[in-house]
C-alpha atoms as a PDB file:
ATOM      1  CA  UNK A   1     -62.129 -70.841 -36.128  1.00  0.00           C
ATOM      2  CA  UNK A   2     -60.061 -72.240 -39.029  1.00  0.00           C
ATOM      3  CA  UNK A   3     -61.719 -75.598 -39.200  1.00  0.00           C
ATOM      4  CA  UNK A   4     -65.436 -76.405 -38.648  1.00  0.00           C
ATOM      5  CA  UNK A   5     -64.437 -79.475 -36.906  1.00  0.00           C
ATOM      6  CA  UNK A   6     -61.137 -81.560 -36.261  1.00  0.00           C
ATOM      7  CA  UNK A   7     -61.550 -85.299 -37.309  1.00  0.00           C
ATOM      8  CA  UNK A   8     -59.879 -87.586 -34.706  1.00  0.00           C
ATOM      9  CA  UNK A   9     -57.639 -89.151 -37.493  1.00  0.00           C
ATOM     10  CA  UNK A  10     -56.650 -85.817 -38.877  1.00  0.00           C
ATOM     11  CA  UNK A  11     -55.662 -84.655 -35.406  1.00  0.00           C
ATOM     12  CA  UNK A  12     -53.602 -87.739 -34.825  1.00  0.00           C
ATOM     13  CA  UNK A  13     -51.882 -87.219 -38.197  1.00  0.00           C
ATOM     14  CA  UNK A  14     -51.040 -83.620 -37.329  1.00  0.00           C
ATOM     15  CA  UNK A  15     -49.608 -84.715 -33.799  1.00  0.00           C
ATOM     16  CA  UNK A  16     -47.439 -87.121 -35.778  1.00  0.00           C
ATOM     17  CA  UNK A  17     -46.238 -84.310 -37.985  1.00  0.00           C
ATOM     18  CA  UNK A  18     -45.275 -82.021 -35.203  1.00  0.00           C
ATOM     19  CA  UNK A  19     -43.350 -84.710 -33.392  1.00  0.00           C
ATOM     20  CA  UNK A  20     -41.517 -85.785 -36.605  1.00  0.00           C
ATOM     21  CA  UNK A  21     -40.769 -82.014 -37.573  1.00  0.00           C
ATOM     22  CA  UNK A  22     -39.688 -80.700 -34.083  1.00  0.00           C
ATOM     23  CA  UNK A  23     -40.053 -83.317 -31.428  1.00  0.00           C
ATOM     24  CA  UNK A  24     -43.107 -81.595 -29.712  1.00  0.00           C
ATOM     25  CA  UNK A  25     -45.370 -84.141 -28.154  1.00  0.00           C
ATOM     26  CA  UNK A  26     -48.906 -82.727 -28.599  1.00  0.00           C
ATOM     27  CA  UNK A  27     -51.399 -84.014 -25.994  1.00  0.00           C
ATOM     28  CA  UNK A  28     -54.416 -86.150 -27.008  1.00  0.00           C
ATOM     29  CA  UNK A  29     -56.915 -83.446 -26.149  1.00  0.00           C
ATOM     30  CA  UNK A  30     -55.416 -80.331 -27.337  1.00  0.00           C
ATOM     31  CA  UNK A  31     -57.774 -79.573 -30.265  1.00  0.00           C
ATOM     32  CA  UNK A  32     -58.492 -76.038 -28.922  1.00  0.00           C
ATOM     33  CA  UNK A  33     -54.702 -75.330 -29.148  1.00  0.00           C
ATOM     34  CA  UNK A  34     -54.499 -76.330 -32.688  1.00  0.00           C
ATOM     35  CA  UNK A  35     -57.597 -74.331 -33.456  1.00  0.00           C
ATOM     36  CA  UNK A  36     -56.361 -71.124 -31.749  1.00  0.00           C
ATOM     37  CA  UNK A  37     -52.709 -71.264 -32.975  1.00  0.00           C
ATOM     38  CA  UNK A  38     -53.315 -72.223 -36.478  1.00  0.00           C
ATOM     39  CA  UNK A  39     -56.209 -69.949 -37.183  1.00  0.00           C
ATOM     40  CA  UNK A  40     -54.502 -67.453 -39.181  1.00  0.00           C
ATOM     41  CA  UNK A  41     -52.125 -69.816 -40.894  1.00  0.00           C
ATOM     42  CA  UNK A  42     -54.986 -71.770 -42.138  1.00  0.00           C
ATOM     43  CA  UNK A  43     -56.917 -68.901 -43.304  1.00  0.00           C
ATOM     44  CA  UNK A  44     -54.136 -67.366 -45.228  1.00  0.00           C
ATOM     45  CA  UNK A  45     -53.132 -70.860 -46.819  1.00  0.00           C
ATOM     46  CA  UNK A  46     -56.758 -71.483 -47.987  1.00  0.00           C
ATOM     47  CA  UNK A  47     -57.030 -74.946 -46.392  1.00  0.00           C
ATOM     48  CA  UNK A  48     -60.476 -76.275 -45.267  1.00  0.00           C
ATOM     49  CA  UNK A  49     -59.435 -78.940 -42.862  1.00  0.00           C
ATOM     50  CA  UNK A  50     -56.679 -79.923 -40.629  1.00  0.00           C
ATOM     51  CA  UNK A  51     -56.152 -82.954 -42.899  1.00  0.00           C
ATOM     52  CA  UNK A  52     -55.695 -80.592 -45.885  1.00  0.00           C
ATOM     53  CA  UNK A  53     -53.147 -78.584 -44.127  1.00  0.00           C
ATOM     54  CA  UNK A  54     -51.237 -81.651 -42.932  1.00  0.00           C
ATOM     55  CA  UNK A  55     -51.304 -82.811 -46.692  1.00  0.00           C
ATOM     56  CA  UNK A  56     -49.622 -79.595 -47.681  1.00  0.00           C
ATOM     57  CA  UNK A  57     -47.196 -79.889 -45.192  1.00  0.00           C
ATOM     58  CA  UNK A  58     -46.162 -83.380 -46.005  1.00  0.00           C
ATOM     59  CA  UNK A  59     -45.727 -82.368 -49.585  1.00  0.00           C
ATOM     60  CA  UNK A  60     -43.679 -79.449 -48.755  1.00  0.00           C
ATOM     61  CA  UNK A  61     -39.950 -79.996 -48.277  1.00  0.00           C
ATOM     62  CA  UNK A  62     -38.165 -79.280 -45.113  1.00  0.00           C
ATOM     63  CA  UNK A  63     -37.559 -75.549 -44.685  1.00  0.00           C
ATOM     64  CA  UNK A  64     -40.578 -74.527 -46.692  1.00  0.00           C
ATOM     65  CA  UNK A  65     -42.543 -71.513 -45.745  1.00  0.00           C
ATOM     66  CA  UNK A  66     -45.729 -73.236 -44.637  1.00  0.00           C
ATOM     67  CA  UNK A  67     -43.942 -75.665 -42.497  1.00  0.00           C
ATOM     68  CA  UNK A  68     -41.903 -72.968 -40.664  1.00  0.00           C
ATOM     69  CA  UNK A  69     -45.092 -70.953 -39.927  1.00  0.00           C
ATOM     70  CA  UNK A  70     -46.911 -74.067 -38.503  1.00  0.00           C
ATOM     71  CA  UNK A  71     -43.770 -75.104 -36.255  1.00  0.00           C
ATOM     72  CA  UNK A  72     -43.377 -71.415 -35.105  1.00  0.00           C
ATOM     73  CA  UNK A  73     -47.255 -71.228 -34.114  1.00  0.00           C
ATOM     74  CA  UNK A  74     -47.131 -74.304 -32.378  1.00  0.00           C
ATOM     75  CA  UNK A  75     -43.769 -73.584 -30.470  1.00  0.00           C
ATOM     76  CA  UNK A  76     -43.993 -72.269 -26.953  1.00  0.00           C
ATOM     77  CA  UNK A  77     -41.766 -69.069 -26.546  1.00  0.00           C
ATOM     78  CA  UNK A  78     -42.480 -68.255 -22.811  1.00  0.00           C
ATOM     79  CA  UNK A  79     -39.390 -66.615 -21.515  1.00  0.00           C
ATOM     80  CA  UNK A  80     -38.182 -63.961 -19.139  1.00  0.00           C
ATOM     81  CA  UNK A  81     -34.943 -62.431 -17.612  1.00  0.00           C
ATOM     82  CA  UNK A  82     -33.218 -64.619 -15.045  1.00  0.00           C
ATOM     83  CA  UNK A  83     -35.946 -67.251 -14.954  1.00  0.00           C
ATOM     84  CA  UNK A  84     -35.958 -68.994 -11.691  1.00  0.00           C
ATOM     85  CA  UNK A  85     -32.926 -67.033 -10.538  1.00  0.00           C
ATOM     86  CA  UNK A  86     -31.134 -70.019  -8.914  1.00  0.00           C
ATOM     87  CA  UNK A  87     -29.495 -71.347 -12.084  1.00  0.00           C
ATOM     88  CA  UNK A  88     -27.688 -68.044 -12.582  1.00  0.00           C
ATOM     89  CA  UNK A  89     -26.638 -68.019  -8.806  1.00  0.00           C
ATOM     90  CA  UNK A  90     -25.383 -71.416  -9.437  1.00  0.00           C
ATOM     91  CA  UNK A  91     -23.389 -70.353 -12.469  1.00  0.00           C
ATOM     92  CA  UNK A  92     -21.799 -67.422 -10.854  1.00  0.00           C
ATOM     93  CA  UNK A  93     -21.283 -69.107  -7.429  1.00  0.00           C
ATOM     94  CA  UNK A  94     -20.179 -72.542  -8.317  1.00  0.00           C
ATOM     95  CA  UNK A  95     -19.698 -73.264 -11.988  1.00  0.00           C
ATOM     96  CA  UNK A  96     -17.641 -70.396 -13.016  1.00  0.00           C
ATOM     97  CA  UNK A  97     -15.334 -70.504  -9.939  1.00  0.00           C
ATOM     98  CA  UNK A  98     -14.909 -74.258 -10.772  1.00  0.00           C
ATOM     99  CA  UNK A  99     -13.417 -73.367 -14.200  1.00  0.00           C
ATOM    100  CA  UNK A 100     -11.257 -70.592 -12.534  1.00  0.00           C
ATOM    101  CA  UNK A 101      -9.818 -73.272 -10.182  1.00  0.00           C
ATOM    102  CA  UNK A 102      -9.176 -75.540 -13.104  1.00  0.00           C
ATOM    103  CA  UNK A 103      -7.250 -72.499 -14.713  1.00  0.00           C
ATOM    104  CA  UNK A 104      -9.488 -72.636 -17.607  1.00  0.00           C
ATOM    105  CA  UNK A 105      -9.298 -69.265 -19.439  1.00  0.00           C
ATOM    106  CA  UNK A 106     -11.759 -69.779 -22.459  1.00  0.00           C
ATOM    107  CA  UNK A 107     -15.464 -70.812 -22.036  1.00  0.00           C
ATOM    108  CA  UNK A 108     -18.096 -71.981 -24.637  1.00  0.00           C
ATOM    109  CA  UNK A 109     -21.666 -72.112 -23.275  1.00  0.00           C
ATOM    110  CA  UNK A 110     -24.803 -73.058 -25.207  1.00  0.00           C
ATOM    111  CA  UNK A 111     -28.334 -71.759 -24.476  1.00  0.00           C
ATOM    112  CA  UNK A 112     -30.742 -74.250 -26.221  1.00  0.00           C
ATOM    113  CA  UNK A 113     -34.301 -73.099 -27.264  1.00  0.00           C
ATOM    114  CA  UNK A 114     -33.313 -69.673 -26.515  1.00  0.00           C
ATOM    115  CA  UNK A 115     -36.651 -67.892 -27.807  1.00  0.00           C
ATOM    116  CA  UNK A 116     -36.154 -64.064 -27.943  1.00  0.00           C
ATOM    117  CA  UNK A 117     -32.893 -64.092 -26.104  1.00  0.00           C
ATOM    118  CA  UNK A 118     -33.641 -63.377 -22.406  1.00  0.00           C
ATOM    119  CA  UNK A 119     -31.752 -66.524 -21.176  1.00  0.00           C
ATOM    120  CA  UNK A 120     -28.516 -66.344 -23.223  1.00  0.00           C
ATOM    121  CA  UNK A 121     -28.260 -62.551 -22.467  1.00  0.00           C
ATOM    122  CA  UNK A 122     -29.086 -63.242 -18.709  1.00  0.00           C
ATOM    123  CA  UNK A 123     -26.037 -65.665 -18.912  1.00  0.00           C
ATOM    124  CA  UNK A 124     -23.960 -62.967 -20.546  1.00  0.00           C
ATOM    125  CA  UNK A 125     -24.883 -60.441 -17.879  1.00  0.00           C
ATOM    126  CA  UNK A 126     -24.140 -63.088 -15.053  1.00  0.00           C
ATOM    127  CA  UNK A 127     -20.643 -63.550 -16.823  1.00  0.00           C
ATOM    128  CA  UNK A 128     -19.970 -59.933 -16.875  1.00  0.00           C
ATOM    129  CA  UNK A 129     -20.946 -59.460 -13.202  1.00  0.00           C
ATOM    130  CA  UNK A 130     -18.428 -62.261 -12.290  1.00  0.00           C
ATOM    131  CA  UNK A 131     -15.634 -60.614 -14.435  1.00  0.00           C
ATOM    132  CA  UNK A 132     -16.325 -57.387 -12.652  1.00  0.00           C
ATOM    133  CA  UNK A 133     -15.520 -59.074  -9.407  1.00  0.00           C
ATOM    134  CA  UNK A 134     -12.848 -61.461 -10.825  1.00  0.00           C
ATOM    135  CA  UNK A 135     -10.914 -59.392 -13.287  1.00  0.00           C
ATOM    136  CA  UNK A 136      -9.055 -61.551 -15.873  1.00  0.00           C
ATOM    137  CA  UNK A 137     -10.643 -64.720 -14.760  1.00  0.00           C
ATOM    138  CA  UNK A 138     -11.448 -65.529 -18.433  1.00  0.00           C
ATOM    139  CA  UNK A 139     -10.092 -63.992 -21.592  1.00  0.00           C
ATOM    140  CA  UNK A 140     -12.606 -65.614 -24.110  1.00  0.00           C
ATOM    141  CA  UNK A 141     -16.236 -66.438 -23.324  1.00  0.00           C
ATOM    142  CA  UNK A 142     -18.735 -67.288 -26.130  1.00  0.00           C
ATOM    143  CA  UNK A 143     -22.364 -68.129 -25.746  1.00  0.00           C
ATOM    144  CA  UNK A 144     -24.120 -69.964 -28.559  1.00  0.00           C
ATOM    145  CA  UNK A 145     -27.871 -69.441 -28.468  1.00  0.00           C
ATOM    146  CA  UNK A 146     -30.206 -71.564 -30.596  1.00  0.00           C
ATOM    147  CA  UNK A 147     -33.824 -72.074 -31.438  1.00  0.00           C
ATOM    148  CA  UNK A 148     -36.000 -73.492 -34.061  1.00  0.00           C
ATOM    149  CA  UNK A 149     -37.881 -70.273 -34.880  1.00  0.00           C
ATOM    150  CA  UNK A 150     -36.211 -67.806 -37.397  1.00  0.00           C
ATOM    151  CA  UNK A 151     -38.530 -65.056 -36.266  1.00  0.00           C
ATOM    152  CA  UNK A 152     -37.673 -65.131 -32.573  1.00  0.00           C
ATOM    153  CA  UNK A 153     -33.886 -65.387 -33.397  1.00  0.00           C
ATOM    154  CA  UNK A 154     -34.177 -62.245 -35.397  1.00  0.00           C
ATOM    155  CA  UNK A 155     -35.695 -60.404 -32.485  1.00  0.00           C
ATOM    156  CA  UNK A 156     -32.958 -61.712 -30.097  1.00  0.00           C
ATOM    157  CA  UNK A 157     -30.182 -60.615 -32.247  1.00  0.00           C
ATOM    158  CA  UNK A 158     -31.539 -57.167 -32.351  1.00  0.00           C
ATOM    159  CA  UNK A 159     -31.455 -56.935 -28.467  1.00  0.00           C
ATOM    160  CA  UNK A 160     -34.501 -54.490 -28.274  1.00  0.00           C
ATOM    161  CA  UNK A 161     -37.110 -55.210 -25.561  1.00  0.00           C
ATOM    162  CA  UNK A 162     -40.158 -53.254 -24.908  1.00  0.00           C
ATOM    163  CA  UNK A 163     -41.247 -52.110 -21.426  1.00  0.00           C
ATOM    164  CA  UNK A 164     -43.286 -55.317 -20.767  1.00  0.00           C
ATOM    165  CA  UNK A 165     -40.471 -57.503 -21.603  1.00  0.00           C
ATOM    166  CA  UNK A 166     -37.973 -55.622 -19.531  1.00  0.00           C
ATOM    167  CA  UNK A 167     -40.278 -55.712 -16.555  1.00  0.00           C
ATOM    168  CA  UNK A 168     -40.394 -59.693 -16.627  1.00  0.00           C
ATOM    169  CA  UNK A 169     -37.750 -60.614 -14.175  1.00  0.00           C
ATOM    170  CA  UNK A 170     -35.201 -57.915 -14.885  1.00  0.00           C
ATOM    171  CA  UNK A 171     -33.822 -56.179 -11.591  1.00  0.00           C
ATOM    172  CA  UNK A 172     -33.822 -52.292 -11.859  1.00  0.00           C
ATOM    173  CA  UNK A 173     -30.029 -52.117 -11.001  1.00  0.00           C
ATOM    174  CA  UNK A 174     -29.149 -54.573 -13.876  1.00  0.00           C
ATOM    175  CA  UNK A 175     -31.390 -52.594 -16.329  1.00  0.00           C
ATOM    176  CA  UNK A 176     -29.544 -49.421 -15.352  1.00  0.00           C
ATOM    177  CA  UNK A 177     -26.075 -51.124 -15.775  1.00  0.00           C
ATOM    178  CA  UNK A 178     -26.713 -53.024 -19.007  1.00  0.00           C
ATOM    179  CA  UNK A 179     -29.498 -51.270 -20.818  1.00  0.00           C
ATOM    180  CA  UNK A 180     -29.993 -48.128 -22.740  1.00  0.00           C
ATOM    181  CA  UNK A 181     -33.307 -46.660 -23.482  1.00  0.00           C
ATOM    182  CA  UNK A 182     -34.014 -46.139 -27.104  1.00  0.00           C
ATOM    183  CA  UNK A 183     -35.263 -42.355 -27.224  1.00  0.00           C
ATOM    184  CA  UNK A 184     -35.619 -42.458 -31.012  1.00  0.00           C
ATOM    185  CA  UNK A 185     -38.483 -45.090 -30.942  1.00  0.00           C
ATOM    186  CA  UNK A 186     -42.210 -44.257 -30.561  1.00  0.00           C
ATOM    187  CA  UNK A 187     -42.639 -46.566 -27.745  1.00  0.00           C
ATOM    188  CA  UNK A 188     -40.603 -47.373 -24.789  1.00  0.00           C
ATOM    189  CA  UNK A 189     -37.975 -50.044 -25.372  1.00  0.00           C
ATOM    190  CA  UNK A 190     -34.520 -50.871 -24.154  1.00  0.00           C
ATOM    191  CA  UNK A 191     -31.422 -52.274 -25.746  1.00  0.00           C
ATOM    192  CA  UNK A 192     -28.858 -54.305 -24.235  1.00  0.00           C
ATOM    193  CA  UNK A 193     -25.171 -52.927 -24.010  1.00  0.00           C
ATOM    194  CA  UNK A 194     -23.069 -53.746 -27.118  1.00  0.00           C
ATOM    195  CA  UNK A 195     -20.281 -55.407 -25.181  1.00  0.00           C
ATOM    196  CA  UNK A 196     -22.632 -57.915 -23.334  1.00  0.00           C
ATOM    197  CA  UNK A 197     -24.751 -58.405 -26.563  1.00  0.00           C
ATOM    198  CA  UNK A 198     -21.744 -59.326 -28.669  1.00  0.00           C
ATOM    199  CA  UNK A 199     -20.682 -62.232 -26.531  1.00  0.00           C
ATOM    200  CA  UNK A 200     -23.865 -63.999 -27.834  1.00  0.00           C
ATOM    201  CA  UNK A 201     -24.070 -65.647 -31.257  1.00  0.00           C
ATOM    202  CA  UNK A 202     -27.555 -66.675 -32.360  1.00  0.00           C
ATOM    203  CA  UNK A 203     -28.177 -69.552 -34.746  1.00  0.00           C
ATOM    204  CA  UNK A 204     -30.917 -71.665 -35.908  1.00  0.00           C
ATOM    205  CA  UNK A 205     -30.973 -75.379 -34.695  1.00  0.00           C
ATOM    206  CA  UNK A 206     -33.566 -78.169 -34.389  1.00  0.00           C
ATOM    207  CA  UNK A 207     -32.711 -80.341 -31.232  1.00  0.00           C
ATOM    208  CA  UNK A 208     -33.779 -83.336 -33.405  1.00  0.00           C
ATOM    209  CA  UNK A 209     -30.816 -82.861 -35.658  1.00  0.00           C
ATOM    210  CA  UNK A 210     -27.068 -83.350 -35.139  1.00  0.00           C
ATOM    211  CA  UNK A 211     -25.402 -80.939 -32.666  1.00  0.00           C
ATOM    212  CA  UNK A 212     -21.935 -81.507 -34.266  1.00  0.00           C
ATOM    213  CA  UNK A 213     -22.024 -78.077 -36.210  1.00  0.00           C
ATOM    214  CA  UNK A 214     -22.372 -76.297 -33.012  1.00  0.00           C
ATOM    215  CA  UNK A 215     -19.099 -77.631 -31.661  1.00  0.00           C
ATOM    216  CA  UNK A 216     -18.328 -78.566 -28.000  1.00  0.00           C
ATOM    217  CA  UNK A 217     -19.232 -76.805 -24.778  1.00  0.00           C
ATOM    218  CA  UNK A 218     -18.397 -76.258 -21.340  1.00  0.00           C
ATOM    219  CA  UNK A 219     -21.839 -75.422 -20.053  1.00  0.00           C
ATOM    220  CA  UNK A 220     -25.215 -76.113 -21.627  1.00  0.00           C
ATOM    221  CA  UNK A 221     -28.577 -74.569 -20.603  1.00  0.00           C
ATOM    222  CA  UNK A 222     -31.494 -76.723 -21.967  1.00  0.00           C
ATOM    223  CA  UNK A 223     -34.216 -75.523 -19.477  1.00  0.00           C
ATOM    224  CA  UNK A 224     -37.996 -76.185 -19.752  1.00  0.00           C
ATOM    225  CA  UNK A 225     -37.499 -77.929 -22.989  1.00  0.00           C
ATOM    226  CA  UNK A 226     -37.276 -81.658 -22.241  1.00  0.00           C
ATOM    227  CA  UNK A 227     -40.842 -81.567 -20.997  1.00  0.00           C
ATOM    228  CA  UNK A 228     -42.146 -81.250 -24.549  1.00  0.00           C
ATOM    229  CA  UNK A 229     -40.363 -84.406 -25.835  1.00  0.00           C
ATOM    230  CA  UNK A 230     -41.176 -88.207 -25.618  1.00  0.00           C
ATOM    231  CA  UNK A 231     -39.154 -90.504 -23.365  1.00  0.00           C
ATOM    232  CA  UNK A 232     -37.222 -91.858 -26.411  1.00  0.00           C
ATOM    233  CA  UNK A 233     -36.363 -88.350 -27.709  1.00  0.00           C
ATOM    234  CA  UNK A 234     -35.289 -87.192 -24.149  1.00  0.00           C
ATOM    235  CA  UNK A 235     -32.734 -90.079 -24.030  1.00  0.00           C
ATOM    236  CA  UNK A 236     -31.513 -89.206 -27.537  1.00  0.00           C
ATOM    237  CA  UNK A 237     -31.183 -85.485 -26.919  1.00  0.00           C
ATOM    238  CA  UNK A 238     -29.433 -86.002 -23.470  1.00  0.00           C
ATOM    239  CA  UNK A 239     -26.967 -88.661 -25.055  1.00  0.00           C
ATOM    240  CA  UNK A 240     -26.056 -86.012 -27.761  1.00  0.00           C
ATOM    241  CA  UNK A 241     -25.736 -83.290 -25.270  1.00  0.00           C
ATOM    242  CA  UNK A 242     -23.542 -85.379 -23.060  1.00  0.00           C
ATOM    243  CA  UNK A 243     -21.276 -85.929 -26.178  1.00  0.00           C
ATOM    244  CA  UNK A 244     -21.362 -82.114 -26.854  1.00  0.00           C
ATOM    245  CA  UNK A 245     -19.983 -81.325 -23.482  1.00  0.00           C
ATOM    246  CA  UNK A 246     -16.212 -81.365 -22.576  1.00  0.00           C
ATOM    247  CA  UNK A 247     -15.449 -83.542 -19.659  1.00  0.00           C
ATOM    248  CA  UNK A 248     -16.504 -81.980 -16.333  1.00  0.00           C
ATOM    249  CA  UNK A 249     -18.982 -79.695 -18.204  1.00  0.00           C
ATOM    250  CA  UNK A 250     -22.280 -78.658 -16.721  1.00  0.00           C
ATOM    251  CA  UNK A 251     -25.863 -79.073 -17.734  1.00  0.00           C
ATOM    252  CA  UNK A 252     -28.789 -76.921 -16.611  1.00  0.00           C
ATOM    253  CA  UNK A 253     -32.204 -78.239 -16.811  1.00  0.00           C
ATOM    254  CA  UNK A 254     -35.657 -76.861 -15.786  1.00  0.00           C
ATOM    255  CA  UNK A 255     -36.830 -76.887 -12.230  1.00  0.00           C
ATOM    256  CA  UNK A 256     -39.347 -79.835 -13.085  1.00  0.00           C
ATOM    257  CA  UNK A 257     -37.101 -81.815 -15.181  1.00  0.00           C
ATOM    258  CA  UNK A 258     -34.861 -84.662 -14.132  1.00  0.00           C
ATOM    259  CA  UNK A 259     -32.657 -87.041 -16.060  1.00  0.00           C
ATOM    260  CA  UNK A 260     -32.301 -90.066 -13.655  1.00  0.00           C
ATOM    261  CA  UNK A 261     -34.293 -92.293 -15.963  1.00  0.00           C
ATOM    262  CA  UNK A 262     -33.002 -90.871 -19.226  1.00  0.00           C
ATOM    263  CA  UNK A 263     -29.214 -90.633 -18.833  1.00  0.00           C
ATOM    264  CA  UNK A 264     -26.486 -91.988 -16.656  1.00  0.00           C
ATOM    265  CA  UNK A 265     -23.820 -89.680 -18.049  1.00  0.00           C
ATOM    266  CA  UNK A 266     -24.026 -86.944 -15.420  1.00  0.00           C
ATOM    267  CA  UNK A 267     -23.683 -86.541 -11.480  1.00  0.00           C
ATOM    268  CA  UNK A 268     -26.364 -84.401  -9.996  1.00  0.00           C
ATOM    269  CA  UNK A 269     -24.864 -81.620  -7.707  1.00  0.00           C
ATOM    270  CA  UNK A 270     -27.329 -80.136  -5.253  1.00  0.00           C
ATOM    271  CA  UNK A 271     -26.711 -76.522  -4.759  1.00  0.00           C
ATOM    272  CA  UNK A 272     -29.489 -75.437  -2.344  1.00  0.00           C
ATOM    273  CA  UNK A 273     -31.539 -74.017  -4.031  1.00  0.00           C
ATOM    274  CA  UNK A 274     -31.480 -75.766  -7.152  1.00  0.00           C
ATOM    275  CA  UNK A 275     -29.332 -78.525  -8.909  1.00  0.00           C
ATOM    276  CA  UNK A 276     -26.918 -78.815 -11.822  1.00  0.00           C
ATOM    277  CA  UNK A 277     -25.689 -81.774 -13.610  1.00  0.00           C
ATOM    278  CA  UNK A 278     -21.934 -82.369 -14.064  1.00  0.00           C
ATOM    279  CA  UNK A 279     -20.644 -84.742 -16.994  1.00  0.00           C
ATOM    280  CA  UNK A 280     -18.990 -87.682 -15.414  1.00  0.00           C
END
């Protein structure tokens, strides 16, 4: 254990730091989570208490090494291929055909909190499959993928996945079509095909800061992210995402996330299964 005990006041101070730094709302009784995730960071930093760690974090400027390590340790990076399936079915069965009907030839999509890349690459594969059935439907498709963690973005850019990662949600026929096994590596790993991988551009972004540098989008995937934020931050993030969407653009959220009480900028479309939100 990195800390002999966690003082309640120090825990509250750390909770506030985490919310200020990246928006994560840590529960009141997550002491064990702090202990387990910050053990290595605390040991290597030579701090004796959570209060000492927070003190160092407060003194360090934004973007500092310790700050980055703590945020990365406390950030959940749970992800897998084609998570929940139906959002990608909605994308190919309803959203993309809608843009074709509008005669829109160029699309920009954003995958927020993309972790190690499975979501944006699943989007790219879905688009590739759609183009295979609808040649010439779009002449330019760009996917921006963002995360707060530099480490997971570096892994995502490389496009290599071990056998366990590939097994999580990736259909065998999709792996056969879009992945190549890396025979040169000592362990089994697979790499996504270059033409599908190049459609995705990875960049670091904190959802608490301005989205303006990212530009405007036709589709935003922000799935299983808002659950970690306070009501006030949900309202703020959804307001700025609506501003980042072109008129008639689409927003995908996680299955357990709803925006009725946080935003009136969208119409909810029921797709059976699943829902998608369209900007009014």
